[in-house]
Amino acid sequence: MVCPFCQLEETSVVDSRKNSEGTSIRRRRNCSACNLRFTTYEKASIGIIVKKRNGNREEFNLEKLHQGVKNAFGGQELSEKKLKALVEAIHNDIKEQGNKVQSELIGETVLKHLKDINEVAYVRFASVYKEFSDASDFEKEAAEFN
């Protein structure tokens, strides 16, 4: 690992610890040249490939998922902690499907989670995901809750 202070190519690991979920490792490192310490975090990259509706393929983007779910809630009250937990739950469901998924699977997974949490966020997300064209589309989707 390169030292962020002096750019020395080799640094030594002083301490390593797993996080509570066991999904990442925190390492304390020491640079032998400048004698400064810094922390690095290692997390496995699953590398999910998403096949889009138009046939294109792209790497799964967790930030894009986060932003889409956040937008679905609009200005409604939702703590960052709850948002992060929701996005993580959706991401875990997607990861269970393998490393190649259809974009439709992602949309349906988001809708499944939103339906259980917030009806307004569900309908807002569905309107974009399902490309609603008029008010009757909203009425049909809202009827699913009755």
C-alpha atoms as a PDB file:
ATOM      1  CA  MET A   1       0.000   0.000   0.000  1.00  0.00           C
ATOM      2  CA  VAL A   2       1.353   3.423  -0.951  1.00  0.00           C
ATOM      3  CA  CYS A   3       1.846   5.913   1.883  1.00  0.00           C
ATOM      4  CA  PRO A   4      -0.560   8.857   1.380  1.00  0.00           C
ATOM      5  CA  PHE A   5       1.975  11.237   2.949  1.00  0.00           C
ATOM      6  CA  CYS A   6       5.307  10.472   1.242  1.00  0.00           C
ATOM      7  CA  GLN A   7       4.205   8.033  -1.514  1.00  0.00           C
ATOM      8  CA  LEU A   8       6.565   5.263  -0.389  1.00  0.00           C
ATOM      9  CA  GLU A   9       5.518   2.079  -2.201  1.00  0.00           C
ATOM     10  CA  GLU A  10       5.824  -0.269   0.776  1.00  0.00           C
ATOM     11  CA  THR A  11       4.141   0.191   4.158  1.00  0.00           C
ATOM     12  CA  SER A  12       3.748  -2.273   6.989  1.00  0.00           C
ATOM     13  CA  VAL A  13       0.543  -3.436   8.649  1.00  0.00           C
ATOM     14  CA  VAL A  14       0.504  -2.719  12.386  1.00  0.00           C
ATOM     15  CA  ASP A  15      -2.995  -3.993  13.217  1.00  0.00           C
ATOM     16  CA  SER A  16      -5.899  -5.698  11.372  1.00  0.00           C
ATOM     17  CA  ARG A  17      -9.500  -6.048  12.525  1.00  0.00           C
ATOM     18  CA  LYS A  18     -12.710  -7.286  10.910  1.00  0.00           C
ATOM     19  CA  ASN A  19     -15.832  -5.157  11.189  1.00  0.00           C
ATOM     20  CA  SER A  20     -18.755  -6.530  13.215  1.00  0.00           C
ATOM     21  CA  GLU A  21     -20.446  -8.049  10.133  1.00  0.00           C
ATOM     22  CA  GLY A  22     -17.208  -9.571   8.873  1.00  0.00           C
ATOM     23  CA  THR A  23     -17.590  -7.857   5.481  1.00  0.00           C
ATOM     24  CA  SER A  24     -14.538  -5.598   5.635  1.00  0.00           C
ATOM     25  CA  ILE A  25     -11.138  -5.327   7.295  1.00  0.00           C
ATOM     26  CA  ARG A  26      -9.663  -2.232   8.933  1.00  0.00           C
ATOM     27  CA  ARG A  27      -5.864  -2.084   8.796  1.00  0.00           C
ATOM     28  CA  ARG A  28      -3.581   0.318  10.631  1.00  0.00           C
ATOM     29  CA  ARG A  29      -0.445   0.868   8.591  1.00  0.00           C
ATOM     30  CA  ASN A  30       2.918   2.462   9.296  1.00  0.00           C
ATOM     31  CA  CYS A  31       5.273   4.065   6.789  1.00  0.00           C
ATOM     32  CA  SER A  32       8.929   3.296   7.477  1.00  0.00           C
ATOM     33  CA  ALA A  33      10.130   6.399   5.586  1.00  0.00           C
ATOM     34  CA  CYS A  34       8.065   9.184   7.189  1.00  0.00           C
ATOM     35  CA  ASN A  35       7.023   7.146  10.261  1.00  0.00           C
ATOM     36  CA  LEU A  36       3.375   8.269   9.984  1.00  0.00           C
ATOM     37  CA  ARG A  37       0.407   5.953  10.517  1.00  0.00           C
ATOM     38  CA  PHE A  38      -2.788   5.742   8.504  1.00  0.00           C
ATOM     39  CA  THR A  39      -5.848   3.507   8.224  1.00  0.00           C
ATOM     40  CA  THR A  40      -7.089   1.554   5.218  1.00  0.00           C
ATOM     41  CA  TYR A  41     -10.299  -0.411   4.746  1.00  0.00           C
ATOM     42  CA  GLU A  42     -10.601  -3.469   2.557  1.00  0.00           C
ATOM     43  CA  LYS A  43     -13.906  -4.733   1.251  1.00  0.00           C
ATOM     44  CA  ALA A  44     -14.512  -7.518  -1.228  1.00  0.00           C
ATOM     45  CA  SER A  45     -15.811  -6.378  -4.578  1.00  0.00           C
ATOM     46  CA  ILE A  46     -18.502  -8.666  -5.905  1.00  0.00           C
ATOM     47  CA  GLY A  47     -18.646  -7.067  -9.321  1.00  0.00           C
ATOM     48  CA  ILE A  48     -22.310  -7.459 -10.267  1.00  0.00           C
ATOM     49  CA  ILE A  49     -22.978  -6.884 -13.960  1.00  0.00           C
ATOM     50  CA  VAL A  50     -26.377  -5.416 -14.827  1.00  0.00           C
ATOM     51  CA  LYS A  51     -28.034  -6.113 -18.166  1.00  0.00           C
ATOM     52  CA  LYS A  52     -30.091  -3.046 -19.037  1.00  0.00           C
ATOM     53  CA  ARG A  53     -33.414  -3.064 -20.910  1.00  0.00           C
ATOM     54  CA  ASN A  54     -31.689  -1.834 -24.073  1.00  0.00           C
ATOM     55  CA  GLY A  55     -29.221  -4.751 -23.963  1.00  0.00           C
ATOM     56  CA  ASN A  56     -26.242  -2.755 -22.682  1.00  0.00           C
ATOM     57  CA  ARG A  57     -24.274  -4.087 -19.743  1.00  0.00           C
ATOM     58  CA  GLU A  58     -22.754  -2.061 -16.948  1.00  0.00           C
ATOM     59  CA  GLU A  59     -21.291  -2.613 -13.525  1.00  0.00           C
ATOM     60  CA  PHE A  60     -23.740  -2.373 -10.618  1.00  0.00           C
ATOM     61  CA  ASN A  61     -23.545   1.037  -8.969  1.00  0.00           C
ATOM     62  CA  LEU A  62     -24.495   1.088  -5.286  1.00  0.00           C
ATOM     63  CA  GLU A  63     -24.533   4.890  -5.230  1.00  0.00           C
ATOM     64  CA  LYS A  64     -27.077   4.911  -8.060  1.00  0.00           C
ATOM     65  CA  LEU A  65     -29.288   2.533  -6.060  1.00  0.00           C
ATOM     66  CA  HIS A  66     -28.884   4.712  -2.957  1.00  0.00           C
ATOM     67  CA  GLN A  67     -29.849   7.863  -4.875  1.00  0.00           C
ATOM     68  CA  GLY A  68     -32.856   6.197  -6.532  1.00  0.00           C
ATOM     69  CA  VAL A  69     -34.240   4.975  -3.204  1.00  0.00           C
ATOM     70  CA  LYS A  70     -33.569   8.356  -1.594  1.00  0.00           C
ATOM     71  CA  ASN A  71     -35.399  10.127  -4.432  1.00  0.00           C
ATOM     72  CA  ALA A  72     -38.395   7.819  -3.980  1.00  0.00           C
ATOM     73  CA  PHE A  73     -38.864   9.202  -0.477  1.00  0.00           C
ATOM     74  CA  GLY A  74     -38.709  12.773  -1.772  1.00  0.00           C
ATOM     75  CA  GLY A  75     -38.944  15.174   1.131  1.00  0.00           C
ATOM     76  CA  GLN A  76     -40.443  12.616   3.498  1.00  0.00           C
ATOM     77  CA  GLU A  77     -38.844  11.946   6.847  1.00  0.00           C
ATOM     78  CA  LEU A  78     -36.234   9.184   6.585  1.00  0.00           C
ATOM     79  CA  SER A  79     -33.026   9.094   8.600  1.00  0.00           C
ATOM     80  CA  GLU A  80     -29.756   8.422   6.817  1.00  0.00           C
ATOM     81  CA  LYS A  81     -29.310   5.353   9.030  1.00  0.00           C
ATOM     82  CA  LYS A  82     -32.658   3.872   7.921  1.00  0.00           C
ATOM     83  CA  LEU A  83     -31.959   4.749   4.295  1.00  0.00           C
ATOM     84  CA  LYS A  84     -28.561   3.051   4.456  1.00  0.00           C
ATOM     85  CA  ALA A  85     -30.074  -0.061   6.076  1.00  0.00           C
ATOM     86  CA  LEU A  86     -32.795  -0.220   3.406  1.00  0.00           C
ATOM     87  CA  VAL A  87     -30.289   0.129   0.562  1.00  0.00           C
ATOM     88  CA  GLU A  88     -28.076  -2.542   2.149  1.00  0.00           C
ATOM     89  CA  ALA A  89     -31.045  -4.942   2.433  1.00  0.00           C
ATOM     90  CA  ILE A  90     -31.922  -4.356  -1.229  1.00  0.00           C
ATOM     91  CA  HIS A  91     -28.276  -4.803  -2.231  1.00  0.00           C
ATOM     92  CA  ASN A  92     -28.061  -8.085  -0.294  1.00  0.00           C
ATOM     93  CA  ASP A  93     -31.154  -9.412  -2.088  1.00  0.00           C
ATOM     94  CA  ILE A  94     -29.621  -8.463  -5.438  1.00  0.00           C
ATOM     95  CA  LYS A  95     -26.286 -10.120  -4.562  1.00  0.00           C
ATOM     96  CA  GLU A  96     -28.125 -13.371  -3.816  1.00  0.00           C
ATOM     97  CA  GLN A  97     -29.190 -13.511  -7.478  1.00  0.00           C
ATOM     98  CA  GLY A  98     -25.612 -13.898  -8.687  1.00  0.00           C
ATOM     99  CA  ASN A  99     -23.097 -11.635 -10.367  1.00  0.00           C
ATOM    100  CA  LYS A 100     -25.164 -11.091 -13.563  1.00  0.00           C
ATOM    101  CA  VAL A 101     -28.633  -9.606 -13.107  1.00  0.00           C
ATOM    102  CA  GLN A 102     -31.297  -7.984 -15.236  1.00  0.00           C
ATOM    103  CA  SER A 103     -32.128  -4.355 -14.465  1.00  0.00           C
ATOM    104  CA  GLU A 104     -35.762  -5.463 -14.042  1.00  0.00           C
ATOM    105  CA  LEU A 105     -34.721  -7.625 -11.089  1.00  0.00           C
ATOM    106  CA  ILE A 106     -33.206  -4.594  -9.397  1.00  0.00           C
ATOM    107  CA  GLY A 107     -36.347  -2.516  -9.952  1.00  0.00           C
ATOM    108  CA  GLU A 108     -38.634  -5.273  -8.688  1.00  0.00           C
ATOM    109  CA  THR A 109     -36.445  -5.808  -5.627  1.00  0.00           C
ATOM    110  CA  VAL A 110     -36.583  -2.106  -4.776  1.00  0.00           C
ATOM    111  CA  LEU A 111     -40.375  -2.098  -5.211  1.00  0.00           C
ATOM    112  CA  LYS A 112     -40.733  -5.154  -2.967  1.00  0.00           C
ATOM    113  CA  HIS A 113     -38.850  -3.431  -0.159  1.00  0.00           C
ATOM    114  CA  LEU A 114     -40.563  -0.062  -0.599  1.00  0.00           C
ATOM    115  CA  LYS A 115     -44.023  -1.658  -0.583  1.00  0.00           C
ATOM    116  CA  ASP A 116     -43.396  -2.897   2.953  1.00  0.00           C
ATOM    117  CA  ILE A 117     -42.034   0.428   4.202  1.00  0.00           C
ATOM    118  CA  ASN A 118     -43.760   3.388   2.564  1.00  0.00           C
ATOM    119  CA  GLU A 119     -46.647   3.493   0.066  1.00  0.00           C
ATOM    120  CA  VAL A 120     -45.791   6.960  -1.250  1.00  0.00           C
ATOM    121  CA  ALA A 121     -42.146   6.049  -1.868  1.00  0.00           C
ATOM    122  CA  TYR A 122     -43.336   2.861  -3.584  1.00  0.00           C
ATOM    123  CA  VAL A 123     -45.622   4.743  -5.985  1.00  0.00           C
ATOM    124  CA  ARG A 124     -42.977   7.416  -6.657  1.00  0.00           C
ATOM    125  CA  PHE A 125     -40.367   4.776  -7.511  1.00  0.00           C
ATOM    126  CA  ALA A 126     -42.870   2.748  -9.550  1.00  0.00           C
ATOM    127  CA  SER A 127     -43.810   5.817 -11.599  1.00  0.00           C
ATOM    128  CA  VAL A 128     -40.228   6.152 -12.812  1.00  0.00           C
ATOM    129  CA  TYR A 129     -39.377   2.451 -13.004  1.00  0.00           C
ATOM    130  CA  LYS A 130     -42.585   1.474 -14.819  1.00  0.00           C
ATOM    131  CA  GLU A 131     -42.605   4.666 -16.893  1.00  0.00           C
ATOM    132  CA  PHE A 132     -46.116   5.839 -15.999  1.00  0.00           C
ATOM    133  CA  SER A 133     -47.707   7.833 -18.817  1.00  0.00           C
ATOM    134  CA  ASP A 134     -50.904   9.152 -17.212  1.00  0.00           C
ATOM    135  CA  ALA A 135     -52.907   9.347 -13.983  1.00  0.00           C
ATOM    136  CA  SER A 136     -54.569   5.965 -14.554  1.00  0.00           C
ATOM    137  CA  ASP A 137     -51.173   4.291 -14.121  1.00  0.00           C
ATOM    138  CA  PHE A 138     -50.901   5.869 -10.661  1.00  0.00           C
ATOM    139  CA  GLU A 139     -54.456   4.742  -9.805  1.00  0.00           C
ATOM    140  CA  LYS A 140     -53.730   1.153 -10.826  1.00  0.00           C
ATOM    141  CA  GLU A 141     -50.554   1.031  -8.754  1.00  0.00           C
ATOM    142  CA  ALA A 142     -52.215   2.649  -5.727  1.00  0.00           C
ATOM    143  CA  ALA A 143     -55.061   0.107  -5.956  1.00  0.00           C
ATOM    144  CA  GLU A 144     -52.545  -2.620  -5.061  1.00  0.00           C
ATOM    145  CA  PHE A 145     -52.518  -1.318  -1.478  1.00  0.00           C
ATOM    146  CA  ASN A 146     -56.282  -1.746  -0.964  1.00  0.00           C
END
